[in-house]
Amino acid sequence: MTTLLATTSRSLSGMGTLNAFPTFFSKWIERYSERYGTPVNAIVVNTIVTCILSITLSFQTLVQLDQVLYALRLIMILAAFLKLRLKQPFLERPYKAPGGSCAAVLWAGVPIAFSLFLIVMAMTGGSLIFYSSVAVIVGTLIVSYITVRFFRPDGFEGELVEEYEDADMQTYGTILEMESADWRSLHPTSTFIERPPKINHKRFETVRGLFC
């Protein structure tokens, strides 16, 4: 619970890097501290939201709400996995789950069923958690609609950013450079930012100094 509430800053920063938010907010939320290598703005946003939730809701309610949101997140991830596997079966991937489409449906279907069961059990535990969950879900849908309608009218595909500071990740990142021409032709609104691998030596020396 504490981990999920207090360690989402890098996820927020990553979403900003992918331009998942309106451009002005994405540029702001993705910024990292040059001295500490941490997503400062994302930490501030996450701290404010965490404090508001901790003050206004009880711990039990937070746990139940967290269960609902985590289950919804898992469902969305698995749904995206199924959609990509079924619509783009030949897309080059860093890793591809074996077994074909039928196995993919089975692997995703079981956790989706358990997640739906968890959502139902949590939301029937009390009126507060029910209305809180509904409010969060409806609010997310409204914000998503506004974002797509006014900030992404031509569709949203995100951005693939190829920039790695670790030598192993630089080698691993070459997989992204091998995206098929067919996938790119089917996603004309995608933005690919291809940058040569580079290492932030200043940050590397700072981190090494902490352990040496």
N, C-alpha and C. Protein backbone atom coordinates (compact mmCIF):
# COMPACT_ATOMS: atom_id res chain seq x y z
N MET A 1 0.84 -1.20 0.00
CA MET A 1 0.00 0.00 0.00
C MET A 1 0.87 1.25 0.00
N THR A 2 1.82 1.30 0.95
CA THR A 2 2.71 2.46 1.03
C THR A 2 3.53 2.60 -0.25
N THR A 3 4.00 1.48 -0.77
CA THR A 3 4.80 1.52 -2.00
C THR A 3 4.00 2.08 -3.16
N LEU A 4 2.76 1.63 -3.30
CA LEU A 4 1.94 2.08 -4.43
C LEU A 4 1.59 3.55 -4.31
N LEU A 5 1.43 4.04 -3.08
CA LEU A 5 1.06 5.44 -2.89
C LEU A 5 2.26 6.38 -3.01
N ALA A 6 3.43 5.91 -2.61
CA ALA A 6 4.56 6.81 -2.46
C ALA A 6 5.68 6.64 -3.48
N THR A 7 5.56 5.70 -4.39
CA THR A 7 6.65 5.48 -5.35
C THR A 7 6.18 5.53 -6.80
N THR A 8 5.20 6.34 -7.08
CA THR A 8 4.69 6.44 -8.45
C THR A 8 5.28 7.62 -9.20
N SER A 9 6.22 8.33 -8.61
CA SER A 9 6.75 9.53 -9.25
C SER A 9 7.46 9.20 -10.56
N ARG A 10 8.21 8.12 -10.60
CA ARG A 10 8.90 7.76 -11.84
C ARG A 10 7.92 7.32 -12.92
N SER A 11 6.82 6.73 -12.53
CA SER A 11 5.79 6.39 -13.51
C SER A 11 5.18 7.65 -14.11
N LEU A 12 4.91 8.64 -13.26
CA LEU A 12 4.38 9.91 -13.76
C LEU A 12 5.38 10.57 -14.69
N SER A 13 6.63 10.58 -14.30
CA SER A 13 7.66 11.18 -15.15
C SER A 13 7.78 10.44 -16.48
N GLY A 14 7.69 9.12 -16.42
CA GLY A 14 7.74 8.34 -17.65
C GLY A 14 6.56 8.62 -18.56
N MET A 15 5.39 8.81 -17.99
CA MET A 15 4.22 9.16 -18.79
C MET A 15 4.40 10.52 -19.44
N GLY A 16 5.06 11.43 -18.72
CA GLY A 16 5.36 12.73 -19.31
C GLY A 16 6.32 12.59 -20.48
N THR A 17 7.32 11.72 -20.33
CA THR A 17 8.27 11.47 -21.42
C THR A 17 7.56 10.90 -22.64
N LEU A 18 6.57 10.06 -22.41
CA LEU A 18 5.78 9.50 -23.50
C LEU A 18 4.73 10.46 -24.03
N ASN A 19 4.68 11.67 -23.45
CA ASN A 19 3.72 12.69 -23.87
C ASN A 19 2.28 12.22 -23.69
N ALA A 20 2.03 11.50 -22.60
CA ALA A 20 0.70 10.99 -22.33
C ALA A 20 -0.25 12.07 -21.82
N PHE A 21 0.30 13.16 -21.32
CA PHE A 21 -0.50 14.28 -20.84
C PHE A 21 -0.47 15.39 -21.89
N PRO A 22 -1.28 16.44 -21.69
CA PRO A 22 -1.12 17.62 -22.55
C PRO A 22 0.34 18.07 -22.56
N THR A 23 0.77 18.60 -23.69
CA THR A 23 2.20 18.87 -23.91
C THR A 23 2.84 19.70 -22.81
N PHE A 24 2.16 20.78 -22.39
CA PHE A 24 2.76 21.66 -21.39
C PHE A 24 2.97 20.93 -20.07
N PHE A 25 2.01 20.05 -19.69
CA PHE A 25 2.15 19.31 -18.44
C PHE A 25 3.17 18.19 -18.58
N SER A 26 3.22 17.55 -19.74
CA SER A 26 4.19 16.48 -19.96
C SER A 26 5.61 17.01 -19.85
N LYS A 27 5.87 18.18 -20.43
CA LYS A 27 7.20 18.77 -20.36
C LYS A 27 7.57 19.13 -18.93
N TRP A 28 6.58 19.51 -18.14
CA TRP A 28 6.84 19.90 -16.76
C TRP A 28 7.06 18.69 -15.86
N ILE A 29 6.23 17.67 -16.04
CA ILE A 29 6.25 16.52 -15.13
C ILE A 29 7.44 15.60 -15.41
N GLU A 30 8.02 15.65 -16.61
CA GLU A 30 9.10 14.73 -16.95
C GLU A 30 10.48 15.21 -16.48
N ARG A 31 10.57 16.42 -15.96
CA ARG A 31 11.87 16.98 -15.61
C ARG A 31 12.54 16.23 -14.46
N TYR A 32 13.83 16.02 -14.61
CA TYR A 32 14.64 15.36 -13.59
C TYR A 32 15.63 16.35 -12.98
N SER A 33 15.97 16.11 -11.72
CA SER A 33 16.99 16.92 -11.07
C SER A 33 18.36 16.52 -11.60
N GLU A 34 19.12 17.50 -12.06
CA GLU A 34 20.46 17.20 -12.58
C GLU A 34 21.40 16.75 -11.47
N ARG A 35 21.13 17.17 -10.26
CA ARG A 35 22.02 16.83 -9.15
C ARG A 35 21.73 15.44 -8.60
N TYR A 36 20.44 15.13 -8.40
CA TYR A 36 20.09 13.87 -7.75
C TYR A 36 19.56 12.82 -8.73
N GLY A 37 19.23 13.22 -9.94
CA GLY A 37 18.70 12.27 -10.89
C GLY A 37 17.31 11.77 -10.55
N THR A 38 16.52 12.61 -9.89
CA THR A 38 15.17 12.23 -9.48
C THR A 38 14.13 13.12 -10.16
N PRO A 39 12.94 12.59 -10.42
CA PRO A 39 11.88 13.38 -11.05
C PRO A 39 11.23 14.33 -10.04
N VAL A 40 11.80 15.50 -9.87
CA VAL A 40 11.39 16.41 -8.79
C VAL A 40 9.93 16.80 -8.90
N ASN A 41 9.50 17.26 -10.07
CA ASN A 41 8.12 17.73 -10.22
C ASN A 41 7.12 16.60 -10.01
N ALA A 42 7.45 15.41 -10.49
CA ALA A 42 6.56 14.27 -10.28
C ALA A 42 6.47 13.91 -8.80
N ILE A 43 7.58 14.04 -8.08
CA ILE A 43 7.58 13.77 -6.64
C ILE A 43 6.68 14.76 -5.92
N VAL A 44 6.73 16.03 -6.32
CA VAL A 44 5.88 17.05 -5.70
C VAL A 44 4.41 16.73 -5.92
N VAL A 45 4.04 16.42 -7.15
CA VAL A 45 2.65 16.09 -7.46
C VAL A 45 2.21 14.86 -6.68
N ASN A 46 3.03 13.83 -6.65
CA ASN A 46 2.69 12.60 -5.95
C ASN A 46 2.55 12.83 -4.45
N THR A 47 3.41 13.69 -3.89
CA THR A 47 3.35 14.00 -2.46
C THR A 47 2.06 14.71 -2.11
N ILE A 48 1.67 15.67 -2.93
CA ILE A 48 0.43 16.42 -2.68
C ILE A 48 -0.78 15.50 -2.73
N VAL A 49 -0.85 14.67 -3.76
CA VAL A 49 -1.99 13.75 -3.89
C VAL A 49 -2.03 12.76 -2.74
N THR A 50 -0.87 12.22 -2.36
CA THR A 50 -0.80 11.26 -1.26
C THR A 50 -1.24 11.90 0.06
N CYS A 51 -0.82 13.14 0.32
CA CYS A 51 -1.22 13.83 1.54
C CYS A 51 -2.72 14.07 1.58
N ILE A 52 -3.29 14.48 0.46
CA ILE A 52 -4.74 14.72 0.41
C ILE A 52 -5.50 13.44 0.70
N LEU A 53 -5.09 12.33 0.07
CA LEU A 53 -5.77 11.06 0.29
C LEU A 53 -5.60 10.59 1.73
N SER A 54 -4.42 10.76 2.30
CA SER A 54 -4.16 10.31 3.67
C SER A 54 -4.96 11.10 4.69
N ILE A 55 -5.21 12.37 4.42
CA ILE A 55 -5.94 13.22 5.35
C ILE A 55 -7.45 13.00 5.26
N THR A 56 -7.95 12.81 4.05
CA THR A 56 -9.39 12.76 3.84
C THR A 56 -9.99 11.36 3.99
N LEU A 57 -9.19 10.31 3.83
CA LEU A 57 -9.72 8.95 3.86
C LEU A 57 -9.01 8.13 4.93
N SER A 58 -9.73 7.15 5.47
CA SER A 58 -9.13 6.25 6.45
C SER A 58 -8.22 5.24 5.75
N PHE A 59 -7.38 4.59 6.56
CA PHE A 59 -6.43 3.63 5.98
C PHE A 59 -7.17 2.46 5.33
N GLN A 60 -8.24 1.98 5.98
CA GLN A 60 -8.99 0.86 5.42
C GLN A 60 -9.62 1.24 4.09
N THR A 61 -10.17 2.45 4.01
CA THR A 61 -10.76 2.90 2.76
C THR A 61 -9.70 3.04 1.67
N LEU A 62 -8.53 3.54 2.06
CA LEU A 62 -7.44 3.67 1.09
C LEU A 62 -7.01 2.31 0.55
N VAL A 63 -6.95 1.31 1.43
CA VAL A 63 -6.58 -0.03 0.99
C VAL A 63 -7.60 -0.58 0.01
N GLN A 64 -8.88 -0.43 0.33
CA GLN A 64 -9.93 -0.92 -0.56
C GLN A 64 -9.92 -0.18 -1.89
N LEU A 65 -9.77 1.14 -1.83
CA LEU A 65 -9.72 1.93 -3.06
C LEU A 65 -8.50 1.56 -3.89
N ASP A 66 -7.39 1.33 -3.20
CA ASP A 66 -6.18 0.93 -3.90
C ASP A 66 -6.36 -0.41 -4.59
N GLN A 67 -7.07 -1.33 -3.95
CA GLN A 67 -7.34 -2.62 -4.57
C GLN A 67 -8.13 -2.46 -5.86
N VAL A 68 -9.15 -1.61 -5.81
CA VAL A 68 -9.98 -1.39 -7.00
C VAL A 68 -9.16 -0.78 -8.12
N LEU A 69 -8.39 0.26 -7.80
CA LEU A 69 -7.62 0.95 -8.84
C LEU A 69 -6.51 0.05 -9.39
N TYR A 70 -5.88 -0.72 -8.51
CA TYR A 70 -4.83 -1.62 -8.98
C TYR A 70 -5.41 -2.69 -9.90
N ALA A 71 -6.59 -3.21 -9.54
CA ALA A 71 -7.23 -4.22 -10.38
C ALA A 71 -7.62 -3.63 -11.73
N LEU A 72 -8.14 -2.40 -11.72
CA LEU A 72 -8.48 -1.74 -12.98
C LEU A 72 -7.24 -1.52 -13.84
N ARG A 73 -6.16 -1.11 -13.20
CA ARG A 73 -4.90 -0.92 -13.93
C ARG A 73 -4.43 -2.22 -14.57
N LEU A 74 -4.52 -3.31 -13.81
CA LEU A 74 -4.10 -4.61 -14.34
C LEU A 74 -4.98 -5.02 -15.52
N ILE A 75 -6.28 -4.78 -15.40
CA ILE A 75 -7.19 -5.12 -16.49
C ILE A 75 -6.84 -4.34 -17.76
N MET A 76 -6.55 -3.05 -17.61
CA MET A 76 -6.20 -2.23 -18.77
C MET A 76 -4.89 -2.70 -19.41
N ILE A 77 -3.91 -3.07 -18.58
CA ILE A 77 -2.64 -3.56 -19.11
C ILE A 77 -2.86 -4.85 -19.90
N LEU A 78 -3.62 -5.78 -19.33
CA LEU A 78 -3.87 -7.05 -19.99
C LEU A 78 -4.72 -6.87 -21.25
N ALA A 79 -5.67 -5.92 -21.20
CA ALA A 79 -6.48 -5.64 -22.39
C ALA A 79 -5.61 -5.08 -23.52
N ALA A 80 -4.68 -4.19 -23.16
CA ALA A 80 -3.75 -3.66 -24.16
C ALA A 80 -2.85 -4.77 -24.72
N PHE A 81 -2.42 -5.68 -23.84
CA PHE A 81 -1.61 -6.82 -24.28
C PHE A 81 -2.37 -7.67 -25.29
N LEU A 82 -3.64 -7.96 -24.99
CA LEU A 82 -4.44 -8.78 -25.89
C LEU A 82 -4.68 -8.07 -27.22
N LYS A 83 -4.99 -6.78 -27.15
CA LYS A 83 -5.24 -6.03 -28.39
C LYS A 83 -4.00 -6.01 -29.27
N LEU A 84 -2.85 -5.76 -28.67
CA LEU A 84 -1.61 -5.71 -29.45
C LEU A 84 -1.25 -7.09 -29.99
N ARG A 85 -1.46 -8.12 -29.19
CA ARG A 85 -1.13 -9.48 -29.65
C ARG A 85 -2.03 -9.91 -30.81
N LEU A 86 -3.32 -9.56 -30.74
CA LEU A 86 -4.26 -9.99 -31.77
C LEU A 86 -4.17 -9.14 -33.04
N LYS A 87 -3.94 -7.83 -32.87
CA LYS A 87 -3.91 -6.94 -34.04
C LYS A 87 -2.52 -6.80 -34.65
N GLN A 88 -1.49 -6.97 -33.85
CA GLN A 88 -0.11 -6.85 -34.34
C GLN A 88 0.70 -8.08 -33.92
N PRO A 89 0.33 -9.25 -34.44
CA PRO A 89 1.03 -10.47 -33.99
C PRO A 89 2.49 -10.55 -34.44
N PHE A 90 2.86 -9.81 -35.48
CA PHE A 90 4.22 -9.90 -36.01
C PHE A 90 5.07 -8.69 -35.63
N LEU A 91 4.57 -7.85 -34.75
CA LEU A 91 5.34 -6.70 -34.29
C LEU A 91 6.55 -7.18 -33.49
N GLU A 92 7.72 -6.65 -33.81
CA GLU A 92 8.93 -7.04 -33.10
C GLU A 92 8.87 -6.56 -31.66
N ARG A 93 9.20 -7.46 -30.72
CA ARG A 93 9.08 -7.17 -29.29
C ARG A 93 10.38 -7.57 -28.58
N PRO A 94 10.69 -6.88 -27.48
CA PRO A 94 11.82 -7.34 -26.66
C PRO A 94 11.60 -8.75 -26.12
N TYR A 95 10.33 -9.07 -25.83
CA TYR A 95 9.99 -10.40 -25.34
C TYR A 95 8.58 -10.73 -25.82
N LYS A 96 8.36 -11.94 -26.24
CA LYS A 96 7.05 -12.37 -26.69
C LYS A 96 6.64 -13.61 -25.92
N ALA A 97 5.49 -13.52 -25.23
CA ALA A 97 5.00 -14.66 -24.46
C ALA A 97 4.67 -15.81 -25.42
N PRO A 98 5.17 -17.00 -25.16
CA PRO A 98 4.94 -18.13 -26.07
C PRO A 98 3.52 -18.65 -25.97
N GLY A 99 3.14 -19.44 -26.97
CA GLY A 99 1.85 -20.11 -26.93
C GLY A 99 0.84 -19.62 -27.92
N GLY A 100 1.11 -18.53 -28.61
CA GLY A 100 0.16 -18.04 -29.59
C GLY A 100 -0.98 -17.25 -28.99
N SER A 101 -1.96 -16.93 -29.83
CA SER A 101 -3.07 -16.08 -29.41
C SER A 101 -3.97 -16.76 -28.39
N CYS A 102 -4.20 -18.05 -28.57
CA CYS A 102 -5.09 -18.77 -27.64
C CYS A 102 -4.50 -18.78 -26.23
N ALA A 103 -3.21 -19.03 -26.13
CA ALA A 103 -2.56 -19.01 -24.82
C ALA A 103 -2.57 -17.62 -24.23
N ALA A 104 -2.41 -16.60 -25.07
CA ALA A 104 -2.44 -15.22 -24.59
C ALA A 104 -3.80 -14.88 -23.99
N VAL A 105 -4.86 -15.33 -24.65
CA VAL A 105 -6.21 -15.10 -24.12
C VAL A 105 -6.38 -15.79 -22.77
N LEU A 106 -5.86 -16.99 -22.64
CA LEU A 106 -5.96 -17.73 -21.38
C LEU A 106 -5.17 -17.04 -20.28
N TRP A 107 -3.93 -16.67 -20.58
CA TRP A 107 -3.09 -16.04 -19.56
C TRP A 107 -3.65 -14.70 -19.11
N ALA A 108 -4.23 -13.95 -20.03
CA ALA A 108 -4.79 -12.65 -19.66
C ALA A 108 -6.19 -12.80 -19.07
N GLY A 109 -6.93 -13.80 -19.52
CA GLY A 109 -8.31 -13.95 -19.06
C GLY A 109 -8.42 -14.32 -17.60
N VAL A 110 -7.52 -15.18 -17.11
CA VAL A 110 -7.58 -15.60 -15.71
C VAL A 110 -7.35 -14.43 -14.76
N PRO A 111 -6.27 -13.65 -14.89
CA PRO A 111 -6.10 -12.51 -13.98
C PRO A 111 -7.17 -11.43 -14.16
N ILE A 112 -7.71 -11.29 -15.37
CA ILE A 112 -8.80 -10.33 -15.56
C ILE A 112 -10.02 -10.76 -14.76
N ALA A 113 -10.32 -12.06 -14.77
CA ALA A 113 -11.46 -12.57 -14.01
C ALA A 113 -11.26 -12.36 -12.51
N PHE A 114 -10.07 -12.66 -12.01
CA PHE A 114 -9.78 -12.44 -10.59
C PHE A 114 -9.84 -10.95 -10.24
N SER A 115 -9.38 -10.09 -11.14
CA SER A 115 -9.42 -8.65 -10.89
C SER A 115 -10.85 -8.14 -10.82
N LEU A 116 -11.71 -8.63 -11.71
CA LEU A 116 -13.11 -8.23 -11.67
C LEU A 116 -13.77 -8.69 -10.37
N PHE A 117 -13.43 -9.91 -9.94
CA PHE A 117 -13.96 -10.40 -8.66
C PHE A 117 -13.50 -9.53 -7.51
N LEU A 118 -12.23 -9.13 -7.52
CA LEU A 118 -11.70 -8.27 -6.46
C LEU A 118 -12.40 -6.92 -6.45
N ILE A 119 -12.67 -6.37 -7.63
CA ILE A 119 -13.36 -5.08 -7.71
C ILE A 119 -14.76 -5.17 -7.11
N VAL A 120 -15.48 -6.23 -7.47
CA VAL A 120 -16.84 -6.40 -6.95
C VAL A 120 -16.82 -6.56 -5.44
N MET A 121 -15.92 -7.37 -4.91
CA MET A 121 -15.85 -7.58 -3.47
C MET A 121 -15.49 -6.30 -2.72
N ALA A 122 -14.57 -5.52 -3.27
CA ALA A 122 -14.16 -4.29 -2.60
C ALA A 122 -15.26 -3.23 -2.64
N MET A 123 -15.94 -3.11 -3.77
CA MET A 123 -16.95 -2.06 -3.92
C MET A 123 -18.23 -2.37 -3.16
N THR A 124 -18.45 -3.63 -2.84
CA THR A 124 -19.63 -3.98 -2.05
C THR A 124 -19.36 -3.93 -0.55
N GLY A 125 -18.15 -3.53 -0.17
CA GLY A 125 -17.79 -3.47 1.24
C GLY A 125 -18.35 -2.28 1.98
N GLY A 126 -18.81 -1.28 1.27
CA GLY A 126 -19.36 -0.09 1.92
C GLY A 126 -19.68 0.97 0.89
N SER A 127 -20.55 1.90 1.29
CA SER A 127 -20.97 2.94 0.35
C SER A 127 -19.84 3.91 0.02
N LEU A 128 -18.96 4.18 1.00
CA LEU A 128 -17.88 5.14 0.76
C LEU A 128 -16.93 4.65 -0.31
N ILE A 129 -16.51 3.40 -0.21
CA ILE A 129 -15.59 2.87 -1.21
C ILE A 129 -16.27 2.75 -2.56
N PHE A 130 -17.57 2.46 -2.56
CA PHE A 130 -18.30 2.36 -3.82
C PHE A 130 -18.34 3.70 -4.54
N TYR A 131 -18.78 4.73 -3.82
CA TYR A 131 -18.89 6.05 -4.45
C TYR A 131 -17.51 6.63 -4.76
N SER A 132 -16.53 6.34 -3.93
CA SER A 132 -15.17 6.82 -4.22
C SER A 132 -14.63 6.19 -5.49
N SER A 133 -14.86 4.89 -5.64
CA SER A 133 -14.39 4.20 -6.83
C SER A 133 -15.10 4.71 -8.08
N VAL A 134 -16.41 4.88 -7.96
CA VAL A 134 -17.17 5.40 -9.10
C VAL A 134 -16.70 6.79 -9.48
N ALA A 135 -16.45 7.63 -8.47
CA ALA A 135 -15.99 9.00 -8.73
C ALA A 135 -14.64 8.99 -9.45
N VAL A 136 -13.73 8.13 -9.00
CA VAL A 136 -12.41 8.06 -9.64
C VAL A 136 -12.52 7.56 -11.07
N ILE A 137 -13.34 6.53 -11.28
CA ILE A 137 -13.49 5.97 -12.62
C ILE A 137 -14.13 6.98 -13.57
N VAL A 138 -15.22 7.61 -13.12
CA VAL A 138 -15.89 8.61 -13.96
C VAL A 138 -14.97 9.79 -14.22
N GLY A 139 -14.26 10.24 -13.19
CA GLY A 139 -13.33 11.36 -13.37
C GLY A 139 -12.24 11.02 -14.37
N THR A 140 -11.73 9.79 -14.31
CA THR A 140 -10.70 9.37 -15.26
C THR A 140 -11.23 9.36 -16.68
N LEU A 141 -12.46 8.89 -16.86
CA LEU A 141 -13.06 8.87 -18.19
C LEU A 141 -13.25 10.29 -18.73
N ILE A 142 -13.68 11.20 -17.86
CA ILE A 142 -13.89 12.59 -18.29
C ILE A 142 -12.57 13.23 -18.70
N VAL A 143 -11.55 13.07 -17.86
CA VAL A 143 -10.24 13.66 -18.18
C VAL A 143 -9.68 13.04 -19.46
N SER A 144 -9.85 11.73 -19.61
CA SER A 144 -9.35 11.06 -20.81
C SER A 144 -10.06 11.57 -22.06
N TYR A 145 -11.37 11.77 -21.96
CA TYR A 145 -12.12 12.27 -23.12
C TYR A 145 -11.67 13.68 -23.49
N ILE A 146 -11.52 14.53 -22.48
CA ILE A 146 -11.09 15.91 -22.75
C ILE A 146 -9.70 15.92 -23.38
N THR A 147 -8.80 15.07 -22.87
CA THR A 147 -7.44 15.02 -23.40
C THR A 147 -7.44 14.59 -24.86
N VAL A 148 -8.19 13.53 -25.17
CA VAL A 148 -8.22 13.02 -26.55
C VAL A 148 -8.98 13.98 -27.47
N ARG A 149 -10.04 14.56 -26.95
CA ARG A 149 -10.89 15.42 -27.79
C ARG A 149 -10.21 16.73 -28.15
N PHE A 150 -9.53 17.34 -27.19
CA PHE A 150 -8.99 18.68 -27.41
C PHE A 150 -7.47 18.71 -27.59
N PHE A 151 -6.76 17.75 -27.00
CA PHE A 151 -5.30 17.77 -27.10
C PHE A 151 -4.75 16.71 -28.04
N ARG A 152 -5.54 15.67 -28.33
CA ARG A 152 -5.11 14.63 -29.27
C ARG A 152 -6.22 14.35 -30.28
N PRO A 153 -6.67 15.36 -31.03
CA PRO A 153 -7.79 15.14 -31.96
C PRO A 153 -7.45 14.18 -33.10
N ASP A 154 -6.17 14.03 -33.43
CA ASP A 154 -5.76 13.14 -34.52
C ASP A 154 -5.40 11.75 -34.02
N GLY A 155 -5.67 11.49 -32.77
CA GLY A 155 -5.34 10.19 -32.21
C GLY A 155 -4.11 10.26 -31.34
N PHE A 156 -4.02 9.34 -30.42
CA PHE A 156 -2.89 9.32 -29.49
C PHE A 156 -2.15 8.00 -29.61
N GLU A 157 -0.89 8.09 -29.94
CA GLU A 157 -0.06 6.90 -30.03
C GLU A 157 1.13 6.97 -29.08
N GLY A 158 1.36 8.13 -28.49
CA GLY A 158 2.50 8.28 -27.61
C GLY A 158 3.79 8.49 -28.38
N GLU A 159 4.89 8.48 -27.70
CA GLU A 159 6.20 8.65 -28.31
C GLU A 159 7.13 7.55 -27.83
N LEU A 160 7.90 7.02 -28.74
CA LEU A 160 8.94 6.06 -28.38
C LEU A 160 10.25 6.82 -28.29
N VAL A 161 10.79 6.90 -27.10
CA VAL A 161 12.01 7.66 -26.87
C VAL A 161 13.16 6.69 -26.68
N GLU A 162 14.12 6.73 -27.56
CA GLU A 162 15.24 5.81 -27.51
C GLU A 162 16.44 6.51 -26.91
N GLU A 163 16.55 6.47 -25.60
CA GLU A 163 17.67 7.11 -24.92
C GLU A 163 17.99 6.31 -23.68
N TYR A 164 19.17 5.75 -23.60
CA TYR A 164 19.55 4.89 -22.51
C TYR A 164 20.89 5.33 -21.94
N GLU A 165 20.99 5.34 -20.63
CA GLU A 165 22.23 5.75 -19.98
C GLU A 165 23.08 4.56 -19.57
N ASP A 166 22.50 3.40 -19.52
CA ASP A 166 23.23 2.21 -19.14
C ASP A 166 23.73 1.48 -20.39
N ALA A 167 24.94 0.96 -20.34
CA ALA A 167 25.52 0.32 -21.52
C ALA A 167 24.71 -0.88 -21.97
N ASP A 168 24.23 -1.68 -21.00
CA ASP A 168 23.41 -2.83 -21.35
C ASP A 168 22.10 -2.40 -21.98
N MET A 169 21.52 -1.34 -21.46
CA MET A 169 20.27 -0.85 -22.02
C MET A 169 20.48 -0.26 -23.40
N GLN A 170 21.66 0.25 -23.68
CA GLN A 170 21.95 0.76 -25.02
C GLN A 170 21.89 -0.38 -26.03
N THR A 171 22.46 -1.52 -25.65
CA THR A 171 22.39 -2.68 -26.53
C THR A 171 20.97 -3.20 -26.65
N TYR A 172 20.29 -3.24 -25.50
CA TYR A 172 18.90 -3.70 -25.48
C TYR A 172 18.01 -2.77 -26.30
N GLY A 173 18.35 -1.47 -26.30
CA GLY A 173 17.53 -0.49 -27.00
C GLY A 173 17.55 -0.63 -28.50
N THR A 174 18.52 -1.38 -29.04
CA THR A 174 18.55 -1.55 -30.49
C THR A 174 17.33 -2.31 -30.99
N ILE A 175 16.67 -3.02 -30.09
CA ILE A 175 15.45 -3.73 -30.48
C ILE A 175 14.39 -2.74 -30.93
N LEU A 176 14.30 -1.60 -30.24
CA LEU A 176 13.32 -0.61 -30.63
C LEU A 176 13.61 -0.03 -32.01
N GLU A 177 14.87 -0.03 -32.41
CA GLU A 177 15.23 0.50 -33.71
C GLU A 177 14.82 -0.43 -34.84
N MET A 178 14.39 -1.63 -34.50
CA MET A 178 14.03 -2.63 -35.50
C MET A 178 12.52 -2.72 -35.70
N GLU A 179 11.79 -1.67 -35.28
CA GLU A 179 10.33 -1.67 -35.45
C GLU A 179 10.00 -1.86 -36.93
N SER A 180 9.04 -2.71 -37.21
CA SER A 180 8.72 -3.03 -38.59
C SER A 180 8.10 -1.85 -39.31
N ALA A 181 8.36 -1.76 -40.62
CA ALA A 181 7.80 -0.68 -41.44
C ALA A 181 6.28 -0.80 -41.50
N ASP A 182 5.78 -2.02 -41.40
CA ASP A 182 4.33 -2.22 -41.44
C ASP A 182 3.67 -1.56 -40.25
N TRP A 183 4.25 -1.71 -39.06
CA TRP A 183 3.67 -1.10 -37.86
C TRP A 183 3.68 0.41 -37.98
N ARG A 184 4.76 0.98 -38.49
CA ARG A 184 4.85 2.43 -38.62
C ARG A 184 3.84 2.95 -39.63
N SER A 185 3.61 2.18 -40.70
CA SER A 185 2.65 2.63 -41.71
C SER A 185 1.23 2.60 -41.19
N LEU A 186 0.96 1.71 -40.24
CA LEU A 186 -0.38 1.62 -39.66
C LEU A 186 -0.59 2.60 -38.52
N HIS A 187 0.49 3.27 -38.08
CA HIS A 187 0.41 4.24 -36.99
C HIS A 187 1.09 5.53 -37.43
N PRO A 188 0.47 6.23 -38.39
CA PRO A 188 1.11 7.44 -38.93
C PRO A 188 1.21 8.58 -37.93
N THR A 189 0.39 8.54 -36.86
CA THR A 189 0.42 9.64 -35.90
C THR A 189 1.49 9.46 -34.84
N SER A 190 2.20 8.31 -34.87
CA SER A 190 3.24 8.07 -33.89
C SER A 190 4.43 8.99 -34.13
N THR A 191 5.09 9.33 -33.06
CA THR A 191 6.29 10.16 -33.14
C THR A 191 7.47 9.35 -32.61
N PHE A 192 8.44 9.11 -33.45
CA PHE A 192 9.62 8.35 -33.05
C PHE A 192 10.79 9.30 -32.89
N ILE A 193 11.32 9.38 -31.70
CA ILE A 193 12.47 10.24 -31.43
C ILE A 193 13.70 9.34 -31.37
N GLU A 194 14.48 9.33 -32.42
CA GLU A 194 15.64 8.45 -32.49
C GLU A 194 16.88 9.25 -32.15
N ARG A 195 17.49 8.92 -31.04
CA ARG A 195 18.66 9.63 -30.58
C ARG A 195 19.83 8.66 -30.43
N PRO A 196 21.04 9.10 -30.68
CA PRO A 196 22.19 8.21 -30.47
C PRO A 196 22.36 7.92 -28.99
N PRO A 197 22.73 6.69 -28.63
CA PRO A 197 22.92 6.36 -27.21
C PRO A 197 23.98 7.26 -26.58
N LYS A 198 23.70 7.68 -25.37
CA LYS A 198 24.67 8.51 -24.68
C LYS A 198 24.58 8.25 -23.18
N ILE A 199 25.64 8.52 -22.50
CA ILE A 199 25.70 8.32 -21.06
C ILE A 199 25.86 9.66 -20.38
N ASN A 200 25.03 9.90 -19.38
CA ASN A 200 25.14 11.12 -18.59
C ASN A 200 26.29 10.92 -17.60
N HIS A 201 27.49 11.34 -17.99
CA HIS A 201 28.67 11.08 -17.16
C HIS A 201 28.60 11.83 -15.83
N LYS A 202 27.98 13.00 -15.84
CA LYS A 202 27.88 13.77 -14.61
C LYS A 202 27.04 13.03 -13.58
N ARG A 203 25.88 12.50 -14.02
CA ARG A 203 25.04 11.74 -13.11
C ARG A 203 25.73 10.45 -12.69
N PHE A 204 26.46 9.82 -13.63
CA PHE A 204 27.17 8.59 -13.31
C PHE A 204 28.21 8.81 -12.22
N GLU A 205 28.98 9.90 -12.33
CA GLU A 205 29.99 10.19 -11.33
C GLU A 205 29.37 10.50 -9.98
N THR A 206 28.18 11.17 -10.00
CA THR A 206 27.50 11.49 -8.75
C THR A 206 27.05 10.23 -8.04
N VAL A 207 26.44 9.31 -8.81
CA VAL A 207 25.95 8.06 -8.22
C VAL A 207 27.12 7.20 -7.75
N ARG A 208 28.20 7.15 -8.54
CA ARG A 208 29.35 6.35 -8.14
C ARG A 208 29.99 6.88 -6.86
N GLY A 209 29.95 8.22 -6.69
CA GLY A 209 30.52 8.81 -5.49
C GLY A 209 29.76 8.45 -4.23
N LEU A 210 28.48 8.10 -4.38
CA LEU A 210 27.68 7.73 -3.21
C LEU A 210 28.05 6.36 -2.69
N PHE A 211 28.60 5.50 -3.55
CA PHE A 211 28.87 4.12 -3.16
C PHE A 211 30.36 3.81 -3.09
N CYS A 212 31.20 4.73 -3.55
CA CYS A 212 32.63 4.46 -3.56
C CYS A 212 33.36 5.28 -2.50
